[in-house]
Amino acid sequence: MAELLKHYFSSPKLQAAIAWMSVQSGTTLDEPFGAMMRAWFVTYHLSGAAHPRGGVGELTQSLVRLIREYGGQVVTNAEVSEIIVGNGRVSGVRLKSREIVSTSRVVSAVHIQTTLRLINAFDAPLRKRIEQLNLGNGMGMALRLAVSELPRYTSYSRADSSQHRALQLLMPDLQYLRKAH
């Protein structure tokens, strides 16, 4: 897929930026699925990216409000040891504390393989197939260090804070990304 980026984009920095965004899905530069992820991120350049009012955290807060509005319950800081299934349907979750929470729906916020491992209803052959799935890490990672203020870029001449409303990618080309990945 790196060759595809080189073919369509002349800027090494743009190639690296698009590739970096796609590897956040867990694919490498050479996996075929990465092409779809790269194409999805390219659409940002065509149509722009939207940001929710109140910041990205507002997305989860809105989801919590909606779930509660419809009578659902949101449980946090409670590790699940099992998703209980009976007669082909979810009937609850067992927490590490051994408490059972009855429910007909479960929304999982962990990697798909972690979720599937928690389901008690799979037979041995299907469980083996789940374990053999090669899905990548399924996540990106952000490193945040304690700093006294946000960075100020000398090449940015405006005095407002708009320089802090963008993604900062500190890599020059695809080779740099390949070495890091």
N, C-alpha and C. Protein backbone atom coordinates (compact mmCIF):
# COMPACT_ATOMS: atom_id res chain seq x y z
N MET A 1 0.81 -1.19 0.00
CA MET A 1 0.00 0.00 0.00
C MET A 1 0.86 1.26 0.00
N ALA A 2 2.07 1.14 0.50
CA ALA A 2 2.98 2.28 0.46
C ALA A 2 3.23 2.70 -0.99
N GLU A 3 3.33 1.71 -1.88
CA GLU A 3 3.55 2.02 -3.29
C GLU A 3 2.36 2.77 -3.89
N LEU A 4 1.16 2.42 -3.45
CA LEU A 4 -0.04 3.12 -3.92
C LEU A 4 0.00 4.59 -3.51
N LEU A 5 0.40 4.84 -2.28
CA LEU A 5 0.51 6.23 -1.81
C LEU A 5 1.56 6.99 -2.61
N LYS A 6 2.68 6.34 -2.88
CA LYS A 6 3.74 6.99 -3.65
C LYS A 6 3.27 7.29 -5.07
N HIS A 7 2.42 6.42 -5.61
CA HIS A 7 1.93 6.60 -6.97
C HIS A 7 0.99 7.82 -7.07
N TYR A 8 0.12 7.99 -6.07
CA TYR A 8 -0.91 9.03 -6.16
C TYR A 8 -0.55 10.34 -5.47
N PHE A 9 0.42 10.32 -4.57
CA PHE A 9 0.78 11.53 -3.83
C PHE A 9 2.28 11.77 -3.95
N SER A 10 2.66 12.96 -4.40
CA SER A 10 4.08 13.24 -4.60
C SER A 10 4.78 13.68 -3.31
N SER A 11 4.04 14.23 -2.37
CA SER A 11 4.65 14.73 -1.14
C SER A 11 4.92 13.59 -0.15
N PRO A 12 6.18 13.36 0.22
CA PRO A 12 6.48 12.33 1.22
C PRO A 12 5.77 12.59 2.56
N LYS A 13 5.62 13.86 2.91
CA LYS A 13 4.95 14.18 4.17
C LYS A 13 3.47 13.82 4.12
N LEU A 14 2.82 14.09 3.00
CA LEU A 14 1.41 13.72 2.86
C LEU A 14 1.26 12.20 2.82
N GLN A 15 2.13 11.52 2.12
CA GLN A 15 2.12 10.05 2.10
C GLN A 15 2.20 9.51 3.53
N ALA A 16 3.14 10.05 4.30
CA ALA A 16 3.34 9.59 5.68
C ALA A 16 2.13 9.90 6.55
N ALA A 17 1.53 11.07 6.36
CA ALA A 17 0.36 11.45 7.16
C ALA A 17 -0.81 10.51 6.89
N ILE A 18 -1.09 10.23 5.63
CA ILE A 18 -2.20 9.34 5.27
C ILE A 18 -1.92 7.93 5.79
N ALA A 19 -0.69 7.47 5.62
CA ALA A 19 -0.32 6.14 6.10
C ALA A 19 -0.44 6.06 7.62
N TRP A 20 0.01 7.09 8.33
CA TRP A 20 -0.06 7.09 9.79
C TRP A 20 -1.50 6.97 10.25
N MET A 21 -2.38 7.74 9.62
CA MET A 21 -3.79 7.68 10.03
C MET A 21 -4.35 6.28 9.80
N SER A 22 -3.96 5.63 8.72
CA SER A 22 -4.52 4.30 8.45
C SER A 22 -3.95 3.23 9.36
N VAL A 23 -2.69 3.35 9.78
CA VAL A 23 -2.15 2.31 10.67
C VAL A 23 -2.78 2.38 12.06
N GLN A 24 -3.49 3.46 12.35
CA GLN A 24 -4.21 3.54 13.62
C GLN A 24 -5.31 2.49 13.69
N SER A 25 -5.73 1.95 12.54
CA SER A 25 -6.74 0.90 12.51
C SER A 25 -6.14 -0.46 12.82
N GLY A 26 -4.82 -0.55 12.94
CA GLY A 26 -4.17 -1.81 13.24
C GLY A 26 -3.53 -2.46 12.03
N THR A 27 -3.65 -1.86 10.84
CA THR A 27 -3.03 -2.44 9.65
C THR A 27 -1.60 -1.93 9.52
N THR A 28 -0.78 -2.67 8.79
CA THR A 28 0.57 -2.22 8.50
C THR A 28 0.57 -1.55 7.13
N LEU A 29 1.71 -1.02 6.75
CA LEU A 29 1.82 -0.37 5.44
C LEU A 29 1.61 -1.34 4.29
N ASP A 30 1.78 -2.62 4.53
CA ASP A 30 1.73 -3.60 3.45
C ASP A 30 0.46 -4.45 3.43
N GLU A 31 -0.45 -4.26 4.37
CA GLU A 31 -1.67 -5.07 4.39
C GLU A 31 -2.71 -4.50 3.43
N PRO A 32 -3.36 -5.37 2.64
CA PRO A 32 -4.35 -4.90 1.67
C PRO A 32 -5.49 -4.09 2.31
N PHE A 33 -5.94 -4.46 3.50
CA PHE A 33 -7.04 -3.74 4.15
C PHE A 33 -6.66 -2.28 4.41
N GLY A 34 -5.38 -2.02 4.52
CA GLY A 34 -4.92 -0.66 4.76
C GLY A 34 -5.33 0.30 3.67
N ALA A 35 -5.50 -0.19 2.46
CA ALA A 35 -5.90 0.68 1.35
C ALA A 35 -7.26 1.31 1.62
N MET A 36 -8.19 0.53 2.16
CA MET A 36 -9.51 1.07 2.46
C MET A 36 -9.42 2.15 3.54
N MET A 37 -8.60 1.89 4.55
CA MET A 37 -8.45 2.87 5.62
C MET A 37 -7.80 4.14 5.08
N ARG A 38 -6.80 3.99 4.22
CA ARG A 38 -6.15 5.17 3.65
C ARG A 38 -7.13 5.97 2.80
N ALA A 39 -7.96 5.28 2.03
CA ALA A 39 -8.96 5.98 1.21
C ALA A 39 -9.94 6.74 2.08
N TRP A 40 -10.32 6.17 3.20
CA TRP A 40 -11.26 6.82 4.10
C TRP A 40 -10.65 8.11 4.65
N PHE A 41 -9.39 8.07 5.02
CA PHE A 41 -8.75 9.26 5.56
C PHE A 41 -8.51 10.33 4.51
N VAL A 42 -8.31 9.91 3.27
CA VAL A 42 -8.13 10.87 2.18
C VAL A 42 -9.39 11.73 2.02
N THR A 43 -10.56 11.15 2.32
CA THR A 43 -11.81 11.92 2.17
C THR A 43 -11.83 13.14 3.09
N TYR A 44 -11.07 13.11 4.19
CA TYR A 44 -10.97 14.30 5.03
C TYR A 44 -10.46 15.49 4.23
N HIS A 45 -9.54 15.22 3.34
CA HIS A 45 -8.97 16.31 2.54
C HIS A 45 -9.97 16.82 1.50
N LEU A 46 -10.91 15.98 1.13
CA LEU A 46 -11.90 16.38 0.14
C LEU A 46 -13.08 17.11 0.77
N SER A 47 -13.52 16.62 1.93
CA SER A 47 -14.73 17.20 2.53
C SER A 47 -14.49 17.85 3.89
N GLY A 48 -13.32 17.69 4.44
CA GLY A 48 -13.03 18.28 5.75
C GLY A 48 -13.51 17.37 6.87
N ALA A 49 -13.04 17.63 8.05
CA ALA A 49 -13.43 16.86 9.22
C ALA A 49 -14.32 17.71 10.12
N ALA A 50 -15.31 17.09 10.69
CA ALA A 50 -16.22 17.79 11.59
C ALA A 50 -15.79 17.53 13.04
N HIS A 51 -16.05 18.49 13.88
CA HIS A 51 -15.74 18.35 15.29
C HIS A 51 -17.01 18.63 16.09
N PRO A 52 -17.36 17.78 17.04
CA PRO A 52 -18.60 18.01 17.81
C PRO A 52 -18.47 19.22 18.73
N ARG A 53 -19.58 19.91 18.91
CA ARG A 53 -19.59 21.01 19.89
C ARG A 53 -19.30 20.44 21.25
N GLY A 54 -18.40 21.06 21.96
CA GLY A 54 -18.03 20.58 23.28
C GLY A 54 -16.83 19.65 23.27
N GLY A 55 -16.31 19.32 22.09
CA GLY A 55 -15.14 18.46 21.98
C GLY A 55 -15.51 17.00 21.77
N VAL A 56 -14.51 16.18 21.53
CA VAL A 56 -14.72 14.78 21.22
C VAL A 56 -15.35 14.04 22.40
N GLY A 57 -15.02 14.42 23.61
CA GLY A 57 -15.61 13.78 24.80
C GLY A 57 -17.11 13.89 24.84
N GLU A 58 -17.65 14.89 24.16
CA GLU A 58 -19.11 15.07 24.12
C GLU A 58 -19.79 13.91 23.40
N LEU A 59 -19.08 13.24 22.49
CA LEU A 59 -19.66 12.09 21.80
C LEU A 59 -20.05 11.00 22.79
N THR A 60 -19.13 10.65 23.69
CA THR A 60 -19.45 9.61 24.67
C THR A 60 -20.50 10.08 25.66
N GLN A 61 -20.43 11.35 26.06
CA GLN A 61 -21.43 11.86 27.00
C GLN A 61 -22.83 11.84 26.36
N SER A 62 -22.91 12.17 25.08
CA SER A 62 -24.19 12.12 24.37
C SER A 62 -24.72 10.71 24.28
N LEU A 63 -23.82 9.76 24.03
CA LEU A 63 -24.22 8.36 23.96
C LEU A 63 -24.75 7.88 25.32
N VAL A 64 -24.08 8.25 26.39
CA VAL A 64 -24.53 7.88 27.73
C VAL A 64 -25.91 8.46 27.99
N ARG A 65 -26.13 9.73 27.66
CA ARG A 65 -27.45 10.35 27.87
C ARG A 65 -28.52 9.61 27.08
N LEU A 66 -28.21 9.27 25.82
CA LEU A 66 -29.18 8.58 24.97
C LEU A 66 -29.52 7.20 25.53
N ILE A 67 -28.51 6.45 25.95
CA ILE A 67 -28.75 5.12 26.53
C ILE A 67 -29.64 5.24 27.76
N ARG A 68 -29.34 6.18 28.64
CA ARG A 68 -30.16 6.36 29.86
C ARG A 68 -31.56 6.83 29.53
N GLU A 69 -31.68 7.70 28.52
CA GLU A 69 -33.00 8.19 28.10
C GLU A 69 -33.91 7.05 27.66
N TYR A 70 -33.32 6.02 27.06
CA TYR A 70 -34.10 4.87 26.61
C TYR A 70 -34.14 3.74 27.64
N GLY A 71 -33.80 4.06 28.88
CA GLY A 71 -33.92 3.09 29.95
C GLY A 71 -32.71 2.20 30.16
N GLY A 72 -31.63 2.46 29.46
CA GLY A 72 -30.43 1.65 29.61
C GLY A 72 -29.59 2.08 30.79
N GLN A 73 -28.63 1.26 31.11
CA GLN A 73 -27.72 1.53 32.22
C GLN A 73 -26.30 1.50 31.69
N VAL A 74 -25.49 2.46 32.11
CA VAL A 74 -24.08 2.51 31.72
C VAL A 74 -23.27 2.20 32.97
N VAL A 75 -22.47 1.15 32.88
CA VAL A 75 -21.64 0.74 34.00
C VAL A 75 -20.18 0.96 33.61
N THR A 76 -19.46 1.70 34.42
CA THR A 76 -18.04 1.95 34.15
C THR A 76 -17.21 1.46 35.32
N ASN A 77 -15.93 1.33 35.10
CA ASN A 77 -15.00 0.89 36.15
C ASN A 77 -15.44 -0.42 36.79
N ALA A 78 -15.98 -1.32 35.97
CA ALA A 78 -16.42 -2.63 36.44
C ALA A 78 -15.97 -3.67 35.42
N GLU A 79 -14.87 -4.35 35.71
CA GLU A 79 -14.31 -5.30 34.75
C GLU A 79 -15.23 -6.50 34.57
N VAL A 80 -15.45 -6.84 33.31
CA VAL A 80 -16.33 -7.97 32.97
C VAL A 80 -15.49 -9.23 32.85
N SER A 81 -15.97 -10.32 33.45
CA SER A 81 -15.27 -11.60 33.32
C SER A 81 -15.97 -12.51 32.31
N GLU A 82 -17.25 -12.23 32.02
CA GLU A 82 -17.99 -13.08 31.09
C GLU A 82 -19.21 -12.35 30.56
N ILE A 83 -19.47 -12.52 29.27
CA ILE A 83 -20.74 -12.10 28.68
C ILE A 83 -21.59 -13.36 28.61
N ILE A 84 -22.69 -13.37 29.34
CA ILE A 84 -23.52 -14.57 29.48
C ILE A 84 -24.52 -14.64 28.33
N VAL A 85 -24.52 -15.79 27.65
CA VAL A 85 -25.42 -16.02 26.53
C VAL A 85 -26.22 -17.28 26.81
N GLY A 86 -27.52 -17.21 26.58
CA GLY A 86 -28.38 -18.39 26.73
C GLY A 86 -29.41 -18.40 25.62
N ASN A 87 -29.65 -19.55 25.03
CA ASN A 87 -30.60 -19.69 23.93
C ASN A 87 -30.29 -18.73 22.78
N GLY A 88 -28.98 -18.53 22.52
CA GLY A 88 -28.56 -17.69 21.40
C GLY A 88 -28.70 -16.20 21.62
N ARG A 89 -28.97 -15.77 22.87
CA ARG A 89 -29.13 -14.35 23.16
C ARG A 89 -28.36 -13.96 24.41
N VAL A 90 -27.89 -12.73 24.44
CA VAL A 90 -27.24 -12.20 25.63
C VAL A 90 -28.27 -12.12 26.75
N SER A 91 -27.88 -12.58 27.93
CA SER A 91 -28.78 -12.45 29.08
C SER A 91 -28.16 -11.66 30.22
N GLY A 92 -26.85 -11.37 30.10
CA GLY A 92 -26.22 -10.57 31.14
C GLY A 92 -24.72 -10.60 31.06
N VAL A 93 -24.09 -9.96 32.03
CA VAL A 93 -22.64 -9.99 32.16
C VAL A 93 -22.29 -10.33 33.60
N ARG A 94 -21.21 -11.08 33.73
CA ARG A 94 -20.68 -11.38 35.06
C ARG A 94 -19.45 -10.50 35.25
N LEU A 95 -19.45 -9.75 36.34
CA LEU A 95 -18.32 -8.86 36.64
C LEU A 95 -17.25 -9.63 37.39
N LYS A 96 -16.04 -9.11 37.41
CA LYS A 96 -14.95 -9.73 38.17
C LYS A 96 -15.31 -9.84 39.64
N SER A 97 -16.15 -8.94 40.11
CA SER A 97 -16.60 -8.97 41.51
C SER A 97 -17.59 -10.10 41.76
N ARG A 98 -17.93 -10.87 40.72
CA ARG A 98 -18.89 -11.99 40.71
C ARG A 98 -20.34 -11.53 40.61
N GLU A 99 -20.58 -10.23 40.66
CA GLU A 99 -21.93 -9.71 40.49
C GLU A 99 -22.39 -9.99 39.06
N ILE A 100 -23.67 -10.34 38.90
CA ILE A 100 -24.25 -10.56 37.58
C ILE A 100 -25.21 -9.41 37.29
N VAL A 101 -25.01 -8.78 36.14
CA VAL A 101 -25.90 -7.70 35.71
C VAL A 101 -26.74 -8.27 34.56
N SER A 102 -28.05 -8.36 34.78
CA SER A 102 -28.94 -8.89 33.74
C SER A 102 -29.18 -7.83 32.68
N THR A 103 -29.15 -8.26 31.42
CA THR A 103 -29.36 -7.33 30.31
C THR A 103 -29.65 -8.11 29.04
N SER A 104 -30.28 -7.46 28.10
CA SER A 104 -30.50 -8.10 26.80
C SER A 104 -29.58 -7.51 25.73
N ARG A 105 -28.81 -6.50 26.09
CA ARG A 105 -27.88 -5.87 25.16
C ARG A 105 -26.58 -5.54 25.89
N VAL A 106 -25.46 -5.67 25.17
CA VAL A 106 -24.16 -5.30 25.71
C VAL A 106 -23.44 -4.46 24.66
N VAL A 107 -22.93 -3.32 25.06
CA VAL A 107 -22.08 -2.50 24.21
C VAL A 107 -20.68 -2.60 24.80
N SER A 108 -19.76 -3.15 24.02
CA SER A 108 -18.40 -3.36 24.50
C SER A 108 -17.49 -2.26 23.98
N ALA A 109 -16.59 -1.80 24.83
CA ALA A 109 -15.65 -0.74 24.44
C ALA A 109 -14.22 -1.27 24.38
N VAL A 110 -14.07 -2.58 24.18
CA VAL A 110 -12.74 -3.17 24.09
C VAL A 110 -12.56 -3.81 22.71
N HIS A 111 -11.36 -4.25 22.42
CA HIS A 111 -11.03 -4.89 21.14
C HIS A 111 -12.01 -6.04 20.87
N ILE A 112 -12.33 -6.25 19.61
CA ILE A 112 -13.30 -7.28 19.23
C ILE A 112 -12.90 -8.67 19.73
N GLN A 113 -11.62 -9.03 19.67
CA GLN A 113 -11.22 -10.35 20.16
C GLN A 113 -11.40 -10.46 21.67
N THR A 114 -11.15 -9.39 22.39
CA THR A 114 -11.38 -9.40 23.84
C THR A 114 -12.85 -9.62 24.12
N THR A 115 -13.71 -8.94 23.38
CA THR A 115 -15.15 -9.11 23.55
C THR A 115 -15.56 -10.55 23.25
N LEU A 116 -15.07 -11.10 22.14
CA LEU A 116 -15.45 -12.47 21.76
C LEU A 116 -14.96 -13.49 22.78
N ARG A 117 -13.80 -13.25 23.38
CA ARG A 117 -13.28 -14.17 24.41
C ARG A 117 -14.18 -14.21 25.64
N LEU A 118 -14.91 -13.14 25.89
CA LEU A 118 -15.78 -13.07 27.07
C LEU A 118 -17.10 -13.80 26.88
N ILE A 119 -17.44 -14.14 25.65
CA ILE A 119 -18.73 -14.80 25.39
C ILE A 119 -18.60 -16.28 25.67
N ASN A 120 -19.50 -16.80 26.51
CA ASN A 120 -19.41 -18.18 26.97
C ASN A 120 -20.06 -19.19 26.04
N ALA A 121 -20.67 -18.76 24.95
CA ALA A 121 -21.51 -19.65 24.14
C ALA A 121 -20.82 -20.28 22.93
N PHE A 122 -19.54 -20.00 22.71
CA PHE A 122 -18.88 -20.52 21.52
C PHE A 122 -18.36 -21.93 21.76
N ASP A 123 -18.52 -22.81 20.78
CA ASP A 123 -17.94 -24.14 20.88
C ASP A 123 -16.44 -24.06 20.59
N ALA A 124 -15.72 -25.13 20.87
CA ALA A 124 -14.26 -25.13 20.76
C ALA A 124 -13.74 -24.78 19.36
N PRO A 125 -14.31 -25.33 18.27
CA PRO A 125 -13.79 -24.97 16.94
C PRO A 125 -13.95 -23.47 16.63
N LEU A 126 -15.09 -22.90 16.99
CA LEU A 126 -15.29 -21.48 16.72
C LEU A 126 -14.37 -20.64 17.60
N ARG A 127 -14.20 -21.03 18.85
CA ARG A 127 -13.31 -20.30 19.75
C ARG A 127 -11.88 -20.31 19.20
N LYS A 128 -11.45 -21.44 18.64
CA LYS A 128 -10.11 -21.54 18.06
C LYS A 128 -9.98 -20.59 16.87
N ARG A 129 -11.00 -20.52 16.03
CA ARG A 129 -10.97 -19.61 14.88
C ARG A 129 -10.89 -18.15 15.33
N ILE A 130 -11.62 -17.82 16.39
CA ILE A 130 -11.58 -16.45 16.93
C ILE A 130 -10.17 -16.11 17.39
N GLU A 131 -9.52 -17.04 18.08
CA GLU A 131 -8.16 -16.81 18.58
C GLU A 131 -7.16 -16.65 17.44
N GLN A 132 -7.45 -17.26 16.30
CA GLN A 132 -6.52 -17.21 15.17
C GLN A 132 -6.73 -15.99 14.27
N LEU A 133 -7.78 -15.22 14.51
CA LEU A 133 -8.01 -14.03 13.70
C LEU A 133 -6.82 -13.09 13.83
N ASN A 134 -6.36 -12.56 12.71
CA ASN A 134 -5.26 -11.60 12.72
C ASN A 134 -5.85 -10.22 12.43
N LEU A 135 -6.21 -9.53 13.49
CA LEU A 135 -6.90 -8.25 13.35
C LEU A 135 -6.02 -7.05 13.64
N GLY A 136 -4.76 -7.25 13.94
CA GLY A 136 -3.92 -6.13 14.33
C GLY A 136 -4.29 -5.71 15.74
N ASN A 137 -3.72 -4.62 16.17
CA ASN A 137 -3.98 -4.19 17.54
C ASN A 137 -5.30 -3.44 17.68
N GLY A 138 -5.87 -3.00 16.57
CA GLY A 138 -7.18 -2.37 16.62
C GLY A 138 -7.23 -1.04 17.33
N MET A 139 -6.10 -0.41 17.55
CA MET A 139 -6.12 0.84 18.28
C MET A 139 -4.94 1.72 17.92
N GLY A 140 -5.08 2.96 18.20
CA GLY A 140 -3.97 3.89 18.09
C GLY A 140 -3.53 4.26 19.49
N MET A 141 -2.49 5.02 19.61
CA MET A 141 -2.01 5.40 20.93
C MET A 141 -1.59 6.86 20.89
N ALA A 142 -1.90 7.57 21.93
CA ALA A 142 -1.46 8.95 22.06
C ALA A 142 -0.56 9.04 23.29
N LEU A 143 0.50 9.78 23.18
CA LEU A 143 1.41 10.00 24.29
C LEU A 143 1.24 11.44 24.74
N ARG A 144 0.86 11.63 25.99
CA ARG A 144 0.69 12.96 26.51
C ARG A 144 1.67 13.13 27.68
N LEU A 145 2.47 14.14 27.58
CA LEU A 145 3.46 14.41 28.63
C LEU A 145 3.07 15.67 29.38
N ALA A 146 3.50 15.77 30.61
CA ALA A 146 3.20 16.96 31.41
C ALA A 146 4.01 18.13 30.87
N VAL A 147 3.32 19.15 30.41
CA VAL A 147 3.96 20.37 29.91
C VAL A 147 3.25 21.56 30.53
N SER A 148 3.96 22.66 30.58
CA SER A 148 3.36 23.85 31.18
C SER A 148 2.47 24.61 30.21
N GLU A 149 2.67 24.42 28.90
CA GLU A 149 1.83 25.09 27.92
C GLU A 149 1.91 24.34 26.59
N LEU A 150 0.96 24.63 25.72
CA LEU A 150 0.96 24.02 24.40
C LEU A 150 2.12 24.57 23.58
N PRO A 151 2.60 23.79 22.61
CA PRO A 151 3.73 24.28 21.79
C PRO A 151 3.34 25.48 20.95
N ARG A 152 4.31 26.34 20.70
CA ARG A 152 4.11 27.48 19.80
C ARG A 152 5.03 27.28 18.61
N TYR A 153 4.47 27.27 17.42
CA TYR A 153 5.24 26.99 16.23
C TYR A 153 5.72 28.30 15.61
N THR A 154 7.02 28.41 15.45
CA THR A 154 7.61 29.65 14.95
C THR A 154 7.19 29.96 13.53
N SER A 155 6.83 28.95 12.73
CA SER A 155 6.43 29.20 11.35
C SER A 155 4.97 29.62 11.25
N TYR A 156 4.25 29.60 12.35
CA TYR A 156 2.84 29.99 12.36
C TYR A 156 2.75 31.42 12.85
N SER A 157 2.30 32.33 12.01
CA SER A 157 2.39 33.75 12.33
C SER A 157 1.19 34.31 13.08
N ARG A 158 0.05 33.62 13.04
CA ARG A 158 -1.14 34.17 13.71
C ARG A 158 -1.02 34.03 15.23
N ALA A 159 -1.60 35.00 15.93
CA ALA A 159 -1.48 35.01 17.38
C ALA A 159 -2.58 34.20 18.07
N ASP A 160 -3.57 33.72 17.32
CA ASP A 160 -4.67 32.99 17.96
C ASP A 160 -4.27 31.54 18.26
N SER A 161 -5.19 30.78 18.82
CA SER A 161 -4.89 29.40 19.22
C SER A 161 -5.25 28.38 18.15
N SER A 162 -5.55 28.81 16.92
CA SER A 162 -5.96 27.86 15.89
C SER A 162 -4.86 26.87 15.53
N GLN A 163 -3.61 27.19 15.84
CA GLN A 163 -2.53 26.25 15.56
C GLN A 163 -2.66 24.98 16.40
N HIS A 164 -3.48 25.01 17.45
CA HIS A 164 -3.64 23.85 18.31
C HIS A 164 -4.92 23.07 18.00
N ARG A 165 -5.51 23.32 16.87
CA ARG A 165 -6.75 22.63 16.49
C ARG A 165 -6.51 21.66 15.34
N ALA A 166 -5.36 21.06 15.31
CA ALA A 166 -5.03 20.14 14.22
C ALA A 166 -4.19 19.00 14.78
N LEU A 167 -4.09 17.95 14.00
CA LEU A 167 -3.27 16.81 14.36
C LEU A 167 -1.81 17.14 14.07
N GLN A 168 -0.93 16.81 14.97
CA GLN A 168 0.49 17.08 14.79
C GLN A 168 1.20 15.77 14.47
N LEU A 169 1.70 15.65 13.26
CA LEU A 169 2.43 14.45 12.86
C LEU A 169 3.90 14.82 12.69
N LEU A 170 4.74 14.18 13.47
CA LEU A 170 6.15 14.51 13.45
C LEU A 170 6.93 13.38 12.79
N MET A 171 6.72 13.21 11.49
CA MET A 171 7.45 12.21 10.73
C MET A 171 7.63 12.71 9.30
N PRO A 172 8.80 12.51 8.73
CA PRO A 172 9.06 13.08 7.41
C PRO A 172 8.59 12.25 6.22
N ASP A 173 8.51 10.90 6.39
CA ASP A 173 8.21 10.08 5.22
C ASP A 173 7.76 8.68 5.64
N LEU A 174 7.43 7.84 4.64
CA LEU A 174 6.95 6.48 4.90
C LEU A 174 8.02 5.61 5.55
N GLN A 175 9.28 5.80 5.19
CA GLN A 175 10.35 5.00 5.76
C GLN A 175 10.44 5.20 7.28
N TYR A 176 10.26 6.43 7.70
CA TYR A 176 10.28 6.74 9.15
C TYR A 176 9.14 5.99 9.85
N LEU A 177 7.96 5.99 9.24
CA LEU A 177 6.81 5.28 9.80
C LEU A 177 7.06 3.78 9.81
N ARG A 178 7.62 3.25 8.75
CA ARG A 178 7.89 1.80 8.68
C ARG A 178 8.86 1.39 9.79
N LYS A 179 9.88 2.18 10.04
CA LYS A 179 10.84 1.86 11.11
C LYS A 179 10.17 1.90 12.48
N ALA A 180 9.26 2.85 12.67
CA ALA A 180 8.58 2.99 13.96
C ALA A 180 7.54 1.90 14.19
N HIS A 181 6.93 1.43 13.11
CA HIS A 181 5.86 0.43 13.22
C HIS A 181 6.47 -0.93 13.41
